[in-house]
PDB file of N, CA and C in Angstrom:
ATOM      1  N   MET A   1     -43.065  -6.515 -12.590  1.00  0.00           N
ATOM      2  CA  MET A   1     -42.347  -7.765 -12.499  1.00  0.00           C
ATOM      3  C   MET A   1     -42.951  -8.583 -11.360  1.00  0.00           C
ATOM      4  N   HIS A   2     -43.299  -9.784 -11.653  1.00  0.00           N
ATOM      5  CA  HIS A   2     -43.873 -10.676 -10.651  1.00  0.00           C
ATOM      6  C   HIS A   2     -42.811 -11.663 -10.204  1.00  0.00           C
ATOM      7  N   LEU A   3     -42.342 -11.516  -8.975  1.00  0.00           N
ATOM      8  CA  LEU A   3     -41.321 -12.416  -8.475  1.00  0.00           C
ATOM      9  C   LEU A   3     -41.878 -13.795  -8.155  1.00  0.00           C
ATOM     10  N   LEU A   4     -43.201 -13.918  -8.043  1.00  0.00           N
ATOM     11  CA  LEU A   4     -43.787 -15.221  -7.768  1.00  0.00           C
ATOM     12  C   LEU A   4     -43.814 -16.097  -9.010  1.00  0.00           C
ATOM     13  N   ASN A   5     -43.698 -15.498 -10.168  1.00  0.00           N
ATOM     14  CA  ASN A   5     -43.617 -16.241 -11.417  1.00  0.00           C
ATOM     15  C   ASN A   5     -42.223 -16.861 -11.502  1.00  0.00           C
ATOM     16  N   PRO A   6     -42.101 -18.201 -11.700  1.00  0.00           N
ATOM     17  CA  PRO A   6     -40.785 -18.838 -11.718  1.00  0.00           C
ATOM     18  C   PRO A   6     -39.855 -18.259 -12.785  1.00  0.00           C
ATOM     19  N   VAL A   7     -40.371 -17.927 -13.938  1.00  0.00           N
ATOM     20  CA  VAL A   7     -39.533 -17.354 -14.981  1.00  0.00           C
ATOM     21  C   VAL A   7     -39.065 -15.962 -14.575  1.00  0.00           C
ATOM     22  N   GLY A   8     -39.936 -15.175 -13.964  1.00  0.00           N
ATOM     23  CA  GLY A   8     -39.570 -13.843 -13.497  1.00  0.00           C
ATOM     24  C   GLY A   8     -38.533 -13.905 -12.385  1.00  0.00           C
ATOM     25  N   LEU A   9     -38.696 -14.860 -11.472  1.00  0.00           N
ATOM     26  CA  LEU A   9     -37.743 -15.022 -10.379  1.00  0.00           C
ATOM     27  C   LEU A   9     -36.384 -15.463 -10.917  1.00  0.00           C
ATOM     28  N   PHE A  10     -36.388 -16.404 -11.863  1.00  0.00           N
ATOM     29  CA  PHE A  10     -35.141 -16.879 -12.446  1.00  0.00           C
ATOM     30  C   PHE A  10     -34.433 -15.750 -13.187  1.00  0.00           C
ATOM     31  N   GLY A  11     -35.174 -14.975 -13.932  1.00  0.00           N
ATOM     32  CA  GLY A  11     -34.595 -13.853 -14.651  1.00  0.00           C
ATOM     33  C   GLY A  11     -34.010 -12.819 -13.713  1.00  0.00           C
ATOM     34  N   TRP A  12     -34.715 -12.565 -12.623  1.00  0.00           N
ATOM     35  CA  TRP A  12     -34.239 -11.606 -11.632  1.00  0.00           C
ATOM     36  C   TRP A  12     -32.960 -12.113 -10.974  1.00  0.00           C
ATOM     37  N   LEU A  13     -32.933 -13.378 -10.582  1.00  0.00           N
ATOM     38  CA  LEU A  13     -31.744 -13.950  -9.955  1.00  0.00           C
ATOM     39  C   LEU A  13     -30.563 -13.976 -10.924  1.00  0.00           C
ATOM     40  N   LEU A  14     -30.841 -14.272 -12.176  1.00  0.00           N
ATOM     41  CA  LEU A  14     -29.792 -14.274 -13.192  1.00  0.00           C
ATOM     42  C   LEU A  14     -29.238 -12.860 -13.402  1.00  0.00           C
ATOM     43  N   SER A  15     -30.106 -11.877 -13.356  1.00  0.00           N
ATOM     44  CA  SER A  15     -29.665 -10.484 -13.485  1.00  0.00           C
ATOM     45  C   SER A  15     -28.790 -10.069 -12.310  1.00  0.00           C
ATOM     46  N   VAL A  16     -29.192 -10.442 -11.113  1.00  0.00           N
ATOM     47  CA  VAL A  16     -28.408 -10.115  -9.917  1.00  0.00           C
ATOM     48  C   VAL A  16     -27.048 -10.817  -9.974  1.00  0.00           C
ATOM     49  N   LEU A  17     -27.043 -12.083 -10.364  1.00  0.00           N
ATOM     50  CA  LEU A  17     -25.791 -12.824 -10.485  1.00  0.00           C
ATOM     51  C   LEU A  17     -24.884 -12.185 -11.536  1.00  0.00           C
ATOM     52  N   GLY A  18     -25.442 -11.801 -12.656  1.00  0.00           N
ATOM     53  CA  GLY A  18     -24.667 -11.132 -13.695  1.00  0.00           C
ATOM     54  C   GLY A  18     -24.080  -9.824 -13.215  1.00  0.00           C
ATOM     55  N   PHE A  19     -24.856  -9.064 -12.436  1.00  0.00           N
ATOM     56  CA  PHE A  19     -24.372  -7.800 -11.888  1.00  0.00           C
ATOM     57  C   PHE A  19     -23.210  -8.023 -10.924  1.00  0.00           C
ATOM     58  N   VAL A  20     -23.340  -9.022 -10.048  1.00  0.00           N
ATOM     59  CA  VAL A  20     -22.287  -9.312  -9.069  1.00  0.00           C
ATOM     60  C   VAL A  20     -21.009  -9.770  -9.768  1.00  0.00           C
ATOM     61  N   VAL A  21     -21.140 -10.639 -10.765  1.00  0.00           N
ATOM     62  CA  VAL A  21     -19.972 -11.111 -11.514  1.00  0.00           C
ATOM     63  C   VAL A  21     -19.324  -9.937 -12.259  1.00  0.00           C
ATOM     64  N   SER A  22     -20.121  -9.082 -12.874  1.00  0.00           N
ATOM     65  CA  SER A  22     -19.583  -7.915 -13.580  1.00  0.00           C
ATOM     66  C   SER A  22     -18.843  -6.986 -12.626  1.00  0.00           C
ATOM     67  N   LEU A  23     -19.400  -6.768 -11.463  1.00  0.00           N
ATOM     68  CA  LEU A  23     -18.767  -5.910 -10.465  1.00  0.00           C
ATOM     69  C   LEU A  23     -17.446  -6.512  -9.990  1.00  0.00           C
ATOM     70  N   ALA A  24     -17.417  -7.818  -9.790  1.00  0.00           N
ATOM     71  CA  ALA A  24     -16.183  -8.493  -9.374  1.00  0.00           C
ATOM     72  C   ALA A  24     -15.115  -8.386 -10.466  1.00  0.00           C
ATOM     73  N   LEU A  25     -15.500  -8.544 -11.723  1.00  0.00           N
ATOM     74  CA  LEU A  25     -14.540  -8.415 -12.819  1.00  0.00           C
ATOM     75  C   LEU A  25     -14.042  -6.980 -12.948  1.00  0.00           C
ATOM     76  N   TYR A  26     -14.927  -6.030 -12.746  1.00  0.00           N
ATOM     77  CA  TYR A  26     -14.549  -4.619 -12.836  1.00  0.00           C
ATOM     78  C   TYR A  26     -13.501  -4.287 -11.775  1.00  0.00           C
ATOM     79  N   PHE A  27     -13.703  -4.791 -10.570  1.00  0.00           N
ATOM     80  CA  PHE A  27     -12.788  -4.492  -9.470  1.00  0.00           C
ATOM     81  C   PHE A  27     -11.748  -5.587  -9.254  1.00  0.00           C
ATOM     82  N   LEU A  28     -11.516  -6.436 -10.236  1.00  0.00           N
ATOM     83  CA  LEU A  28     -10.517  -7.497 -10.116  1.00  0.00           C
ATOM     84  C   LEU A  28      -9.121  -6.962  -9.784  1.00  0.00           C
ATOM     85  N   PRO A  29      -8.656  -5.874 -10.383  1.00  0.00           N
ATOM     86  CA  PRO A  29      -7.338  -5.357  -9.977  1.00  0.00           C
ATOM     87  C   PRO A  29      -7.279  -4.989  -8.489  1.00  0.00           C
ATOM     88  N   THR A  30      -8.337  -4.422  -7.958  1.00  0.00           N
ATOM     89  CA  THR A  30      -8.373  -4.085  -6.537  1.00  0.00           C
ATOM     90  C   THR A  30      -8.373  -5.349  -5.686  1.00  0.00           C
ATOM     91  N   ILE A  31      -9.099  -6.357  -6.120  1.00  0.00           N
ATOM     92  CA  ILE A  31      -9.138  -7.630  -5.395  1.00  0.00           C
ATOM     93  C   ILE A  31      -7.759  -8.277  -5.404  1.00  0.00           C
ATOM     94  N   VAL A  32      -7.084  -8.244  -6.549  1.00  0.00           N
ATOM     95  CA  VAL A  32      -5.736  -8.812  -6.660  1.00  0.00           C
ATOM     96  C   VAL A  32      -4.773  -8.053  -5.759  1.00  0.00           C
ATOM     97  N   ALA A  33      -4.817  -6.737  -5.788  1.00  0.00           N
ATOM     98  CA  ALA A  33      -3.920  -5.929  -4.949  1.00  0.00           C
ATOM     99  C   ALA A  33      -4.157  -6.200  -3.476  1.00  0.00           C
ATOM    100  N   SER A  34      -5.399  -6.327  -3.090  1.00  0.00           N
ATOM    101  CA  SER A  34      -5.719  -6.606  -1.693  1.00  0.00           C
ATOM    102  C   SER A  34      -5.257  -7.997  -1.288  1.00  0.00           C
ATOM    103  N   ALA A  35      -5.460  -8.979  -2.154  1.00  0.00           N
ATOM    104  CA  ALA A  35      -5.054 -10.352  -1.852  1.00  0.00           C
ATOM    105  C   ALA A  35      -3.532 -10.475  -1.764  1.00  0.00           C
ATOM    106  N   ARG A  36      -2.820  -9.682  -2.565  1.00  0.00           N
ATOM    107  CA  ARG A  36      -1.354  -9.690  -2.543  1.00  0.00           C
ATOM    108  C   ARG A  36      -0.799  -8.836  -1.410  1.00  0.00           C
ATOM    109  N   ARG A  37      -1.654  -8.140  -0.678  1.00  0.00           N
ATOM    110  CA  ARG A  37      -1.246  -7.204   0.378  1.00  0.00           C
ATOM    111  C   ARG A  37      -0.301  -6.144  -0.197  1.00  0.00           C
ATOM    112  N   SER A  38      -0.699  -5.585  -1.336  1.00  0.00           N
ATOM    113  CA  SER A  38       0.100  -4.596  -2.041  1.00  0.00           C
ATOM    114  C   SER A  38       0.184  -3.299  -1.246  1.00  0.00           C
ATOM    115  N   THR A  39       1.306  -2.621  -1.422  1.00  0.00           N
ATOM    116  CA  THR A  39       1.464  -1.310  -0.775  1.00  0.00           C
ATOM    117  C   THR A  39       0.673  -0.236  -1.521  1.00  0.00           C
ATOM    118  N   ARG A  40       0.185  -0.551  -2.698  1.00  0.00           N
ATOM    119  CA  ARG A  40      -0.535   0.421  -3.531  1.00  0.00           C
ATOM    120  C   ARG A  40      -2.010   0.049  -3.729  1.00  0.00           C
ATOM    121  N   THR A  41      -2.598  -0.606  -2.769  1.00  0.00           N
ATOM    122  CA  THR A  41      -3.993  -1.022  -2.906  1.00  0.00           C
ATOM    123  C   THR A  41      -4.918   0.180  -3.079  1.00  0.00           C
ATOM    124  N   GLY A  42      -4.696   1.232  -2.335  1.00  0.00           N
ATOM    125  CA  GLY A  42      -5.519   2.443  -2.458  1.00  0.00           C
ATOM    126  C   GLY A  42      -5.396   3.079  -3.832  1.00  0.00           C
ATOM    127  N   THR A  43      -4.178   3.131  -4.354  1.00  0.00           N
ATOM    128  CA  THR A  43      -3.952   3.681  -5.687  1.00  0.00           C
ATOM    129  C   THR A  43      -4.664   2.853  -6.740  1.00  0.00           C
ATOM    130  N   VAL A  44      -4.557   1.527  -6.613  1.00  0.00           N
ATOM    131  CA  VAL A  44      -5.219   0.633  -7.558  1.00  0.00           C
ATOM    132  C   VAL A  44      -6.727   0.838  -7.508  1.00  0.00           C
ATOM    133  N   PHE A  45      -7.277   0.992  -6.304  1.00  0.00           N
ATOM    134  CA  PHE A  45      -8.718   1.208  -6.166  1.00  0.00           C
ATOM    135  C   PHE A  45      -9.158   2.496  -6.858  1.00  0.00           C
ATOM    136  N   VAL A  46      -8.410   3.563  -6.664  1.00  0.00           N
ATOM    137  CA  VAL A  46      -8.782   4.850  -7.270  1.00  0.00           C
ATOM    138  C   VAL A  46      -8.685   4.773  -8.797  1.00  0.00           C
ATOM    139  N   ILE A  47      -7.605   4.183  -9.303  1.00  0.00           N
ATOM    140  CA  ILE A  47      -7.472   4.022 -10.757  1.00  0.00           C
ATOM    141  C   ILE A  47      -8.617   3.166 -11.292  1.00  0.00           C
ATOM    142  N   ASP A  48      -8.896   2.082 -10.588  1.00  0.00           N
ATOM    143  CA  ASP A  48      -9.958   1.170 -11.013  1.00  0.00           C
ATOM    144  C   ASP A  48     -11.328   1.851 -10.978  1.00  0.00           C
ATOM    145  N   LEU A  49     -11.583   2.617  -9.941  1.00  0.00           N
ATOM    146  CA  LEU A  49     -12.874   3.281  -9.792  1.00  0.00           C
ATOM    147  C   LEU A  49     -13.076   4.361 -10.862  1.00  0.00           C
ATOM    148  N   LEU A  50     -12.048   5.162 -11.102  1.00  0.00           N
ATOM    149  CA  LEU A  50     -12.195   6.295 -12.015  1.00  0.00           C
ATOM    150  C   LEU A  50     -11.925   5.957 -13.479  1.00  0.00           C
ATOM    151  N   LEU A  51     -11.000   5.025 -13.727  1.00  0.00           N
ATOM    152  CA  LEU A  51     -10.603   4.738 -15.106  1.00  0.00           C
ATOM    153  C   LEU A  51     -10.849   3.292 -15.520  1.00  0.00           C
ATOM    154  N   GLY A  52     -11.374   2.494 -14.629  1.00  0.00           N
ATOM    155  CA  GLY A  52     -11.580   1.084 -14.931  1.00  0.00           C
ATOM    156  C   GLY A  52     -12.582   0.834 -16.039  1.00  0.00           C
ATOM    157  N   TRP A  53     -13.440   1.788 -16.311  1.00  0.00           N
ATOM    158  CA  TRP A  53     -14.431   1.628 -17.385  1.00  0.00           C
ATOM    159  C   TRP A  53     -13.768   1.533 -18.745  1.00  0.00           C
ATOM    160  N   SER A  54     -12.577   2.146 -18.863  1.00  0.00           N
ATOM    161  CA  SER A  54     -11.840   2.020 -20.130  1.00  0.00           C
ATOM    162  C   SER A  54     -10.908   0.825 -20.006  1.00  0.00           C
ATOM    163  N   PHE A  55     -10.724   0.125 -21.070  1.00  0.00           N
ATOM    164  CA  PHE A  55      -9.866  -1.059 -21.032  1.00  0.00           C
ATOM    165  C   PHE A  55      -8.452  -0.693 -20.617  1.00  0.00           C
ATOM    166  N   LEU A  56      -7.954   0.433 -21.105  1.00  0.00           N
ATOM    167  CA  LEU A  56      -6.598   0.864 -20.771  1.00  0.00           C
ATOM    168  C   LEU A  56      -6.463   1.153 -19.272  1.00  0.00           C
ATOM    169  N   GLY A  57      -7.441   1.828 -18.687  1.00  0.00           N
ATOM    170  CA  GLY A  57      -7.414   2.104 -17.253  1.00  0.00           C
ATOM    171  C   GLY A  57      -7.434   0.834 -16.427  1.00  0.00           C
ATOM    172  N   TRP A  58      -8.222  -0.147 -16.860  1.00  0.00           N
ATOM    173  CA  TRP A  58      -8.310  -1.429 -16.165  1.00  0.00           C
ATOM    174  C   TRP A  58      -6.967  -2.153 -16.228  1.00  0.00           C
ATOM    175  N   ILE A  59      -6.319  -2.119 -17.409  1.00  0.00           N
ATOM    176  CA  ILE A  59      -5.012  -2.758 -17.578  1.00  0.00           C
ATOM    177  C   ILE A  59      -3.960  -2.070 -16.702  1.00  0.00           C
ATOM    178  N   VAL A  60      -3.977  -0.753 -16.669  1.00  0.00           N
ATOM    179  CA  VAL A  60      -3.025  -0.004 -15.825  1.00  0.00           C
ATOM    180  C   VAL A  60      -3.225  -0.388 -14.359  1.00  0.00           C
ATOM    181  N   ALA A  61      -4.466  -0.448 -13.913  1.00  0.00           N
ATOM    182  CA  ALA A  61      -4.740  -0.833 -12.522  1.00  0.00           C
ATOM    183  C   ALA A  61      -4.248  -2.252 -12.242  1.00  0.00           C
ATOM    184  N   MET A  62      -4.442  -3.164 -13.185  1.00  0.00           N
ATOM    185  CA  MET A  62      -3.996  -4.544 -12.988  1.00  0.00           C
ATOM    186  C   MET A  62      -2.471  -4.631 -12.940  1.00  0.00           C
ATOM    187  N   VAL A  63      -1.804  -3.883 -13.807  1.00  0.00           N
ATOM    188  CA  VAL A  63      -0.334  -3.885 -13.806  1.00  0.00           C
ATOM    189  C   VAL A  63       0.195  -3.333 -12.485  1.00  0.00           C
ATOM    190  N   VAL A  64      -0.373  -2.238 -12.007  1.00  0.00           N
ATOM    191  CA  VAL A  64       0.053  -1.664 -10.725  1.00  0.00           C
ATOM    192  C   VAL A  64      -0.207  -2.660  -9.602  1.00  0.00           C
ATOM    193  N   ALA A  65      -1.322  -3.363  -9.652  1.00  0.00           N
ATOM    194  CA  ALA A  65      -1.655  -4.341  -8.608  1.00  0.00           C
ATOM    195  C   ALA A  65      -0.661  -5.491  -8.575  1.00  0.00           C
ATOM    196  N   VAL A  66      -0.225  -5.931  -9.741  1.00  0.00           N
ATOM    197  CA  VAL A  66       0.658  -7.097  -9.812  1.00  0.00           C
ATOM    198  C   VAL A  66       2.123  -6.723  -9.569  1.00  0.00           C
ATOM    199  N   VAL A  67       2.545  -5.544 -10.035  1.00  0.00           N
ATOM    200  CA  VAL A  67       3.956  -5.165  -9.971  1.00  0.00           C
ATOM    201  C   VAL A  67       4.333  -4.559  -8.622  1.00  0.00           C
ATOM    202  N   SER A  68       3.406  -3.952  -7.932  1.00  0.00           N
ATOM    203  CA  SER A  68       3.732  -3.253  -6.690  1.00  0.00           C
ATOM    204  C   SER A  68       4.241  -4.221  -5.624  1.00  0.00           C
ATOM    205  N   SER A  69       5.046  -3.661  -4.716  1.00  0.00           N
ATOM    206  CA  SER A  69       5.626  -4.492  -3.668  1.00  0.00           C
ATOM    207  C   SER A  69       4.575  -4.872  -2.629  1.00  0.00           C
ATOM    208  N   ARG A  70       4.886  -5.914  -1.907  1.00  0.00           N
ATOM    209  CA  ARG A  70       3.954  -6.424  -0.884  1.00  0.00           C
ATOM    210  C   ARG A  70       4.323  -5.886   0.491  1.00  0.00           C
ATOM    211  N   ARG A  71       3.302  -5.746   1.330  1.00  0.00           N
ATOM    212  CA  ARG A  71       3.530  -5.389   2.728  1.00  0.00           C
ATOM    213  C   ARG A  71       3.989  -6.634   3.483  1.00  0.00           C
ATOM    214  N   PRO A  72       4.877  -6.486   4.438  1.00  0.00           N
ATOM    215  CA  PRO A  72       5.262  -7.664   5.230  1.00  0.00           C
ATOM    216  C   PRO A  72       4.070  -8.157   6.049  1.00  0.00           C
ATOM    217  N   PRO A  73       4.001  -9.450   6.280  1.00  0.00           N
ATOM    218  CA  PRO A  73       2.878  -9.981   7.062  1.00  0.00           C
ATOM    219  C   PRO A  73       2.904  -9.458   8.489  1.00  0.00           C
ATOM    220  N   ALA A  74       1.725  -9.264   9.045  1.00  0.00           N
ATOM    221  CA  ALA A  74       1.608  -8.795  10.430  1.00  0.00           C
ATOM    222  C   ALA A  74       1.961  -9.923  11.388  1.00  0.00           C
ATOM    223  N   LEU A  75       2.616  -9.560  12.458  1.00  0.00           N
ATOM    224  CA  LEU A  75       3.013 -10.578  13.441  1.00  0.00           C
ATOM    225  C   LEU A  75       1.976 -10.786  14.466  1.00  0.00           C
TER     226      LEU A  75
END
């Protein structure tokens, strides 16, 4: 692969961007749980990491992320 070739560089950058977007979508339940300051963020991460490859596991992780209670804000 020649990165100096504009088409090769564009393809490489597009591949990296696709990988990053895919990774973000895969871990979206963990991102949601973290943003919500969920008490079950660790649980969501483990479910997402181990079972997120299956659609059902991803849905379970997302439901746990959204339904779980929030931690009170730090003072």
